[in-house]
N, C-alpha and C. Protein backbone atom coordinates (compact mmCIF):
# COMPACT_ATOMS: atom_id res chain seq x y z
N MET A 1 -34.30 20.14 -66.93
CA MET A 1 -35.14 18.87 -65.87
C MET A 1 -33.88 18.09 -65.22
N LYS A 2 -33.80 18.45 -63.81
CA LYS A 2 -32.81 17.35 -62.93
C LYS A 2 -33.49 16.40 -62.35
N ILE A 3 -32.50 15.48 -62.32
CA ILE A 3 -32.88 14.55 -61.50
C ILE A 3 -32.03 14.75 -59.91
N THR A 4 -31.92 14.09 -59.05
CA THR A 4 -31.41 14.51 -57.93
C THR A 4 -32.03 12.88 -56.96
N PRO A 5 -30.53 12.65 -56.28
CA PRO A 5 -31.15 11.33 -55.98
C PRO A 5 -31.26 12.17 -54.07
N TYR A 6 -32.23 11.28 -53.73
CA TYR A 6 -32.75 11.48 -52.11
C TYR A 6 -32.42 10.35 -51.10
N LEU A 7 -31.59 10.27 -50.43
CA LEU A 7 -31.36 9.24 -49.79
C LEU A 7 -32.30 9.48 -48.13
N THR A 8 -32.68 8.45 -47.57
CA THR A 8 -33.21 8.27 -46.25
C THR A 8 -32.48 7.33 -45.44
N PHE A 9 -31.65 8.41 -44.01
CA PHE A 9 -31.17 7.62 -43.17
C PHE A 9 -31.94 7.21 -41.84
N ASP A 10 -31.36 6.49 -40.91
CA ASP A 10 -32.22 6.48 -39.83
C ASP A 10 -31.03 7.13 -38.68
N GLY A 11 -31.10 8.44 -38.79
CA GLY A 11 -30.28 9.07 -37.69
C GLY A 11 -28.57 9.28 -38.04
N GLN A 12 -27.86 8.74 -39.17
CA GLN A 12 -27.03 8.75 -39.58
C GLN A 12 -26.34 9.92 -40.63
N ALA A 13 -27.70 10.43 -40.83
CA ALA A 13 -27.54 11.37 -41.93
C ALA A 13 -26.36 13.07 -41.89
N ARG A 14 -26.39 13.11 -40.96
CA ARG A 14 -25.45 14.62 -40.13
C ARG A 14 -24.05 13.71 -40.81
N ASP A 15 -23.50 12.80 -39.92
CA ASP A 15 -22.63 11.92 -39.99
C ASP A 15 -22.46 11.83 -41.73
N ALA A 16 -22.83 11.24 -42.34
CA ALA A 16 -23.06 10.50 -43.64
C ALA A 16 -22.28 11.52 -44.14
N PHE A 17 -23.39 12.44 -44.63
CA PHE A 17 -22.77 13.95 -45.41
C PHE A 17 -21.46 14.94 -45.41
N THR A 18 -21.21 14.87 -44.08
CA THR A 18 -19.86 15.40 -43.45
C THR A 18 -18.87 14.86 -44.05
N LEU A 19 -19.02 13.48 -44.41
CA LEU A 19 -17.84 12.40 -44.77
C LEU A 19 -18.35 13.25 -46.46
N TYR A 20 -19.37 12.91 -46.80
CA TYR A 20 -19.18 12.93 -48.63
C TYR A 20 -19.06 14.52 -49.04
N GLN A 21 -19.12 15.40 -47.68
CA GLN A 21 -18.79 17.28 -48.40
C GLN A 21 -17.13 16.84 -48.17
N GLN A 22 -16.35 16.30 -47.10
CA GLN A 22 -15.31 16.25 -47.12
C GLN A 22 -14.71 15.20 -48.19
N VAL A 23 -15.21 14.56 -48.75
CA VAL A 23 -14.57 13.36 -49.65
C VAL A 23 -14.90 14.22 -51.12
N LEU A 24 -16.16 14.60 -51.32
CA LEU A 24 -16.73 15.15 -52.60
C LEU A 24 -16.55 16.61 -52.87
N GLY A 25 -16.44 17.66 -51.75
CA GLY A 25 -16.31 19.27 -52.06
C GLY A 25 -17.95 19.54 -51.84
N GLY A 26 -17.91 20.59 -52.36
CA GLY A 26 -19.15 21.01 -52.79
C GLY A 26 -19.98 21.86 -51.42
N GLU A 27 -20.98 22.18 -51.14
CA GLU A 27 -21.47 23.02 -50.44
C GLU A 27 -22.49 22.60 -49.66
N LEU A 28 -22.43 22.38 -48.36
CA LEU A 28 -23.39 21.62 -47.60
C LEU A 28 -24.57 22.60 -47.13
N GLU A 29 -25.98 21.99 -47.09
CA GLU A 29 -26.73 22.66 -46.46
C GLU A 29 -27.63 21.78 -45.94
N MET A 30 -27.56 21.79 -43.93
CA MET A 30 -28.43 21.32 -43.59
C MET A 30 -29.41 21.48 -42.36
N MET A 31 -30.50 20.94 -41.96
CA MET A 31 -31.20 21.83 -41.16
C MET A 31 -32.11 20.47 -40.62
N THR A 32 -32.24 20.94 -39.10
CA THR A 32 -32.61 19.81 -38.06
C THR A 32 -34.07 20.03 -37.98
N PHE A 33 -34.34 18.52 -37.49
CA PHE A 33 -36.19 18.93 -37.18
C PHE A 33 -36.13 20.29 -36.03
N ALA A 34 -35.29 20.21 -35.18
CA ALA A 34 -35.35 21.39 -34.41
C ALA A 34 -35.47 22.17 -34.64
N GLN A 35 -35.13 22.63 -35.67
CA GLN A 35 -34.93 24.15 -36.44
C GLN A 35 -36.42 24.11 -37.64
N ALA A 36 -37.15 23.38 -37.44
CA ALA A 36 -38.28 23.37 -38.02
C ALA A 36 -39.42 24.36 -37.48
N PRO A 37 -40.15 25.27 -37.89
CA PRO A 37 -41.43 26.13 -37.08
C PRO A 37 -41.94 25.27 -36.12
N ASP A 38 -42.40 24.00 -36.56
CA ASP A 38 -43.18 23.69 -35.52
C ASP A 38 -42.20 22.22 -34.93
N ALA A 39 -41.28 22.82 -34.76
CA ALA A 39 -40.06 21.61 -34.24
C ALA A 39 -40.86 20.98 -32.81
N GLU A 40 -41.92 21.53 -31.98
CA GLU A 40 -42.54 21.02 -30.65
C GLU A 40 -43.04 19.67 -31.10
N HIS A 41 -43.49 19.56 -32.28
CA HIS A 41 -44.26 18.60 -32.63
C HIS A 41 -43.68 16.96 -32.85
N PHE A 42 -42.62 17.53 -32.91
CA PHE A 42 -41.58 16.29 -33.10
C PHE A 42 -40.96 15.88 -31.48
N PRO A 43 -41.18 14.43 -31.67
CA PRO A 43 -40.48 13.80 -30.25
C PRO A 43 -39.11 14.88 -29.98
N ALA A 44 -38.87 14.88 -28.77
CA ALA A 44 -37.76 15.60 -28.43
C ALA A 44 -36.32 14.93 -28.96
N GLU A 45 -36.53 13.45 -28.36
CA GLU A 45 -35.36 12.16 -28.62
C GLU A 45 -34.71 12.32 -30.36
N TYR A 46 -36.19 13.23 -31.21
CA TYR A 46 -35.79 13.04 -32.80
C TYR A 46 -35.45 14.38 -32.94
N ARG A 47 -35.24 15.36 -32.58
CA ARG A 47 -35.17 16.87 -33.11
C ARG A 47 -33.84 17.39 -33.33
N GLU A 48 -32.86 16.54 -32.91
CA GLU A 48 -31.63 16.63 -33.78
C GLU A 48 -31.07 15.91 -34.91
N ARG A 49 -32.06 15.30 -35.15
CA ARG A 49 -32.32 14.50 -36.64
C ARG A 49 -32.17 15.31 -37.70
N ILE A 50 -31.42 14.73 -38.69
CA ILE A 50 -31.55 15.79 -39.59
C ILE A 50 -33.14 15.67 -40.82
N MET A 51 -33.57 16.63 -40.52
CA MET A 51 -35.26 17.06 -41.27
C MET A 51 -34.53 17.11 -42.83
N HIS A 52 -33.06 18.01 -43.59
CA HIS A 52 -33.04 18.08 -44.92
C HIS A 52 -31.81 18.28 -44.71
N VAL A 53 -31.06 17.94 -45.84
CA VAL A 53 -29.75 17.91 -46.15
C VAL A 53 -29.32 17.99 -47.25
N GLY A 54 -28.66 18.73 -47.97
CA GLY A 54 -28.10 18.67 -49.35
C GLY A 54 -26.86 19.32 -49.83
N LEU A 55 -26.23 18.14 -50.47
CA LEU A 55 -24.83 18.39 -50.90
C LEU A 55 -24.85 19.09 -51.99
N ASN A 56 -24.36 20.33 -52.83
CA ASN A 56 -24.62 20.87 -54.14
C ASN A 56 -23.04 20.79 -54.67
N LEU A 57 -23.00 20.30 -55.59
CA LEU A 57 -21.54 19.93 -56.53
C LEU A 57 -21.95 20.47 -57.86
N GLY A 58 -21.99 21.76 -57.95
CA GLY A 58 -22.45 22.69 -59.37
C GLY A 58 -23.62 22.06 -59.73
N ASP A 59 -23.52 21.45 -61.06
CA ASP A 59 -24.99 21.13 -61.74
C ASP A 59 -25.52 20.00 -60.88
N PHE A 60 -25.12 19.24 -59.86
CA PHE A 60 -25.27 17.77 -59.38
C PHE A 60 -25.71 18.32 -57.80
N SER A 61 -26.33 17.37 -57.17
CA SER A 61 -26.41 17.65 -55.90
C SER A 61 -27.29 15.97 -55.44
N LEU A 62 -26.99 16.09 -53.79
CA LEU A 62 -27.11 14.51 -53.62
C LEU A 62 -27.94 15.36 -52.09
N MET A 63 -29.02 14.64 -52.02
CA MET A 63 -29.99 15.00 -50.70
C MET A 63 -30.37 13.83 -50.03
N ALA A 64 -30.91 14.23 -48.70
CA ALA A 64 -31.08 13.28 -47.86
C ALA A 64 -31.95 14.12 -46.36
N SER A 65 -32.21 12.98 -45.59
CA SER A 65 -32.71 13.36 -44.31
C SER A 65 -32.94 11.95 -43.55
N ASP A 66 -33.22 12.04 -42.05
CA ASP A 66 -33.34 10.67 -41.44
C ASP A 66 -34.63 10.72 -40.90
N THR A 67 -35.16 9.51 -41.07
CA THR A 67 -36.34 9.07 -40.64
C THR A 67 -36.77 9.24 -38.94
N MET A 68 -38.32 9.57 -38.80
CA MET A 68 -38.82 9.42 -37.59
C MET A 68 -39.67 8.17 -37.59
N PRO A 69 -40.10 7.97 -36.54
CA PRO A 69 -40.86 6.67 -36.20
C PRO A 69 -42.37 6.94 -37.35
N GLY A 70 -42.67 6.02 -37.72
CA GLY A 70 -43.76 5.89 -38.39
C GLY A 70 -43.27 6.30 -39.86
N ASP A 71 -42.50 6.77 -40.05
CA ASP A 71 -41.78 7.78 -41.18
C ASP A 71 -42.88 6.97 -42.73
N PRO A 72 -43.52 7.84 -43.69
CA PRO A 72 -43.94 7.33 -44.61
C PRO A 72 -43.02 6.87 -45.59
N ALA A 73 -41.58 7.28 -45.72
CA ALA A 73 -40.49 7.24 -46.27
C ALA A 73 -40.05 5.58 -46.28
N CYS A 74 -40.34 4.98 -45.12
CA CYS A 74 -40.27 3.69 -44.79
C CYS A 74 -41.69 3.21 -44.77
N GLY A 75 -42.44 3.12 -45.39
CA GLY A 75 -43.79 2.83 -45.55
C GLY A 75 -44.39 2.67 -44.05
N GLY A 76 -44.10 3.48 -43.24
CA GLY A 76 -44.77 3.91 -41.91
C GLY A 76 -44.06 2.94 -40.65
N GLY A 77 -43.38 1.82 -41.16
CA GLY A 77 -42.84 1.15 -40.23
C GLY A 77 -41.86 1.10 -39.58
N GLU A 78 -40.72 -0.08 -39.35
CA GLU A 78 -39.37 0.14 -39.44
C GLU A 78 -38.42 0.52 -40.57
N TYR A 79 -37.44 1.22 -40.08
CA TYR A 79 -36.47 1.77 -41.11
C TYR A 79 -35.73 0.04 -41.91
N GLU A 80 -35.52 0.21 -42.85
CA GLU A 80 -34.62 -1.03 -43.24
C GLU A 80 -33.82 -0.72 -44.12
N GLY A 81 -32.75 0.46 -44.12
CA GLY A 81 -31.77 0.80 -44.81
C GLY A 81 -32.12 1.10 -46.21
N ILE A 82 -31.30 1.79 -46.92
CA ILE A 82 -31.49 1.98 -48.24
C ILE A 82 -30.90 1.17 -49.22
N LYS A 83 -31.98 0.98 -50.19
CA LYS A 83 -31.90 -0.40 -50.63
C LYS A 83 -32.40 -0.17 -52.58
N GLY A 84 -31.67 -1.09 -53.03
CA GLY A 84 -32.38 -0.51 -54.24
C GLY A 84 -31.70 0.12 -55.28
N CYS A 85 -30.63 1.04 -54.88
CA CYS A 85 -29.99 1.74 -56.00
C CYS A 85 -28.99 2.34 -55.67
N SER A 86 -27.47 2.71 -56.25
CA SER A 86 -26.63 3.08 -55.92
C SER A 86 -26.42 4.36 -56.36
N ILE A 87 -25.67 5.31 -55.88
CA ILE A 87 -24.68 6.43 -56.10
C ILE A 87 -23.28 6.22 -57.27
N SER A 88 -23.62 6.56 -58.67
CA SER A 88 -22.85 6.05 -59.19
C SER A 88 -21.65 7.38 -59.92
N LEU A 89 -20.41 7.52 -59.31
CA LEU A 89 -19.39 8.17 -59.61
C LEU A 89 -18.09 8.32 -60.82
N HIS A 90 -17.86 9.49 -61.49
CA HIS A 90 -17.55 9.26 -63.10
C HIS A 90 -16.65 9.74 -62.74
N PRO A 91 -15.09 9.46 -61.70
CA PRO A 91 -13.92 10.38 -61.67
C PRO A 91 -13.20 10.75 -63.06
N GLU A 92 -12.66 11.36 -63.19
CA GLU A 92 -11.62 11.60 -64.67
C GLU A 92 -10.35 11.23 -64.46
N SER A 93 -9.81 10.26 -63.45
CA SER A 93 -8.47 9.89 -63.62
C SER A 93 -8.66 8.49 -62.54
N ILE A 94 -7.41 7.98 -62.80
CA ILE A 94 -7.38 6.55 -61.82
C ILE A 94 -7.09 7.00 -60.63
N ALA A 95 -5.97 7.83 -60.34
CA ALA A 95 -5.86 8.55 -59.10
C ALA A 95 -7.15 9.02 -58.31
N GLU A 96 -8.08 9.83 -58.93
CA GLU A 96 -9.10 10.10 -58.54
C GLU A 96 -10.30 8.92 -57.74
N SER A 97 -10.14 7.92 -58.50
CA SER A 97 -10.95 6.81 -58.42
C SER A 97 -10.35 6.23 -57.28
N GLU A 98 -8.99 5.83 -56.99
CA GLU A 98 -8.61 5.55 -55.80
C GLU A 98 -8.74 6.19 -54.78
N ARG A 99 -8.93 7.75 -54.91
CA ARG A 99 -9.16 8.60 -53.81
C ARG A 99 -10.64 8.57 -53.29
N LEU A 100 -11.19 8.05 -54.22
CA LEU A 100 -12.78 8.24 -53.76
C LEU A 100 -13.30 6.43 -53.13
N PHE A 101 -12.85 6.05 -53.91
CA PHE A 101 -12.55 4.56 -53.20
C PHE A 101 -12.46 4.55 -51.70
N THR A 102 -10.99 4.66 -51.81
CA THR A 102 -10.27 4.58 -50.11
C THR A 102 -11.34 5.39 -49.54
N ALA A 103 -11.34 6.28 -49.43
CA ALA A 103 -12.21 7.21 -48.64
C ALA A 103 -13.92 7.02 -48.46
N LEU A 104 -14.56 6.41 -49.43
CA LEU A 104 -15.76 6.06 -48.99
C LEU A 104 -16.13 4.85 -48.73
N SER A 105 -14.95 4.04 -49.22
CA SER A 105 -15.43 2.31 -48.53
C SER A 105 -15.10 1.96 -47.56
N ASP A 106 -14.20 3.04 -46.76
CA ASP A 106 -13.65 2.77 -45.50
C ASP A 106 -14.20 2.30 -44.39
N GLY A 107 -14.93 1.24 -43.91
CA GLY A 107 -15.53 0.82 -43.30
C GLY A 107 -16.93 0.48 -43.39
N GLY A 108 -16.77 0.49 -44.48
CA GLY A 108 -18.26 -0.17 -45.56
C GLY A 108 -17.92 -1.80 -45.88
N HIS A 109 -18.62 -2.35 -46.98
CA HIS A 109 -18.50 -3.67 -47.36
C HIS A 109 -18.10 -3.41 -48.81
N ILE A 110 -17.42 -3.68 -49.22
CA ILE A 110 -16.31 -4.14 -50.65
C ILE A 110 -17.24 -5.09 -51.30
N VAL A 111 -18.04 -4.63 -52.71
CA VAL A 111 -18.60 -5.54 -53.47
C VAL A 111 -17.90 -6.08 -54.62
N MET A 112 -17.12 -5.22 -55.25
CA MET A 112 -16.16 -5.58 -56.19
C MET A 112 -15.05 -4.61 -55.74
N PRO A 113 -13.74 -4.93 -55.93
CA PRO A 113 -12.65 -4.15 -55.14
C PRO A 113 -12.25 -3.01 -56.36
N LEU A 114 -11.75 -2.01 -56.82
CA LEU A 114 -11.65 -0.72 -57.43
C LEU A 114 -10.33 -1.98 -58.97
N GLU A 115 -10.83 -2.38 -59.59
CA GLU A 115 -9.88 -2.41 -60.75
C GLU A 115 -10.67 -2.39 -62.16
N LYS A 116 -9.35 -2.44 -62.62
CA LYS A 116 -9.82 -2.61 -64.21
C LYS A 116 -10.77 -3.63 -64.76
N THR A 117 -11.27 -3.18 -65.55
CA THR A 117 -12.61 -3.73 -66.55
C THR A 117 -12.15 -3.91 -67.91
N PHE A 118 -13.33 -4.72 -68.58
CA PHE A 118 -13.37 -4.49 -70.25
C PHE A 118 -13.79 -3.39 -70.69
N TRP A 119 -14.88 -2.38 -69.53
CA TRP A 119 -15.36 -1.49 -70.10
C TRP A 119 -14.79 -0.26 -69.39
N ALA A 120 -14.04 -0.28 -68.33
CA ALA A 120 -13.44 1.25 -67.78
C ALA A 120 -12.08 0.82 -67.20
N GLU A 121 -11.33 1.59 -67.40
CA GLU A 121 -9.68 2.02 -66.54
C GLU A 121 -9.96 1.25 -65.26
N ARG A 122 -10.99 1.76 -64.49
CA ARG A 122 -10.91 1.21 -62.91
C ARG A 122 -12.66 1.28 -62.60
N PHE A 123 -13.14 0.32 -61.66
CA PHE A 123 -14.80 0.29 -61.56
C PHE A 123 -14.60 -0.37 -59.96
N ALA A 124 -15.41 0.03 -59.45
CA ALA A 124 -15.79 -0.75 -58.05
C ALA A 124 -17.18 -0.84 -57.86
N MET A 125 -17.69 -1.63 -56.84
CA MET A 125 -18.96 -1.45 -56.33
C MET A 125 -18.97 -1.64 -54.79
N PHE A 126 -19.45 -0.90 -53.75
CA PHE A 126 -19.09 -1.30 -52.81
C PHE A 126 -19.95 -0.18 -51.93
N THR A 127 -20.58 -0.50 -50.28
CA THR A 127 -21.36 0.17 -49.68
C THR A 127 -20.79 0.93 -48.31
N ASP A 128 -20.71 1.68 -48.18
CA ASP A 128 -20.34 2.55 -47.46
C ASP A 128 -20.88 2.16 -45.79
N ARG A 129 -20.46 2.78 -45.14
CA ARG A 129 -20.31 2.58 -43.34
C ARG A 129 -21.68 3.05 -43.31
N PHE A 130 -22.52 3.86 -43.93
CA PHE A 130 -23.78 4.49 -43.52
C PHE A 130 -25.08 3.51 -44.38
N GLY A 131 -24.49 2.52 -45.24
CA GLY A 131 -25.51 1.68 -46.12
C GLY A 131 -25.58 1.78 -47.39
N VAL A 132 -24.96 3.43 -47.80
CA VAL A 132 -25.25 3.87 -49.02
C VAL A 132 -24.59 2.68 -50.01
N SER A 133 -25.16 2.39 -51.36
CA SER A 133 -24.53 1.52 -52.37
C SER A 133 -23.79 2.90 -53.25
N TRP A 134 -22.50 2.25 -53.75
CA TRP A 134 -22.01 3.41 -54.46
C TRP A 134 -21.36 2.40 -55.48
N MET A 135 -21.07 2.78 -56.72
CA MET A 135 -20.11 2.79 -58.07
C MET A 135 -18.96 3.66 -58.08
N ILE A 136 -18.07 3.31 -58.43
CA ILE A 136 -17.05 4.31 -59.35
C ILE A 136 -16.86 3.39 -60.53
N ASN A 137 -16.62 4.73 -61.57
CA ASN A 137 -16.78 4.09 -63.24
C ASN A 137 -15.60 4.97 -63.34
N CYS A 138 -14.42 4.69 -63.90
CA CYS A 138 -13.25 5.39 -64.43
C CYS A 138 -13.23 5.09 -65.79
N GLU A 139 -13.69 5.91 -66.65
CA GLU A 139 -13.20 5.49 -67.73
C GLU A 139 -11.90 5.87 -68.80
N HIS A 140 -11.16 6.42 -67.62
CA HIS A 140 -9.95 7.54 -68.34
C HIS A 140 -8.87 6.76 -67.55
N ALA A 141 -7.64 6.54 -68.61
CA ALA A 141 -6.41 6.24 -67.74
C ALA A 141 -5.75 7.41 -67.46
């Protein structure tokens, strides 16, 4: 069994996943609401939002979509952002940790800067400019 994080955005899924692919690599698959067989059922102003996006990274993947008005993913109400979870990255080197931290935290909010801790060679916590919470945990020097 695989477990795949699935994020929900309010119109930023395309920009977020374009950045994630640039930083993390992998294969990006993206579909807009306009590409759905029943696209005419969606409000015109929302058709270019992302219905589904997947970033495939070998055995792992990250998926997401944009919300629509009254989306059940938002409890049928207003979008309140991504809350209660973090995407945790485990790079193999300090240099890779620094690269990931610099690229993903740019324009976001740093909760804990990338630094040595008693459990890791480098650890950081931050929210990126799209509202996604990340952790970087590098155990190797």
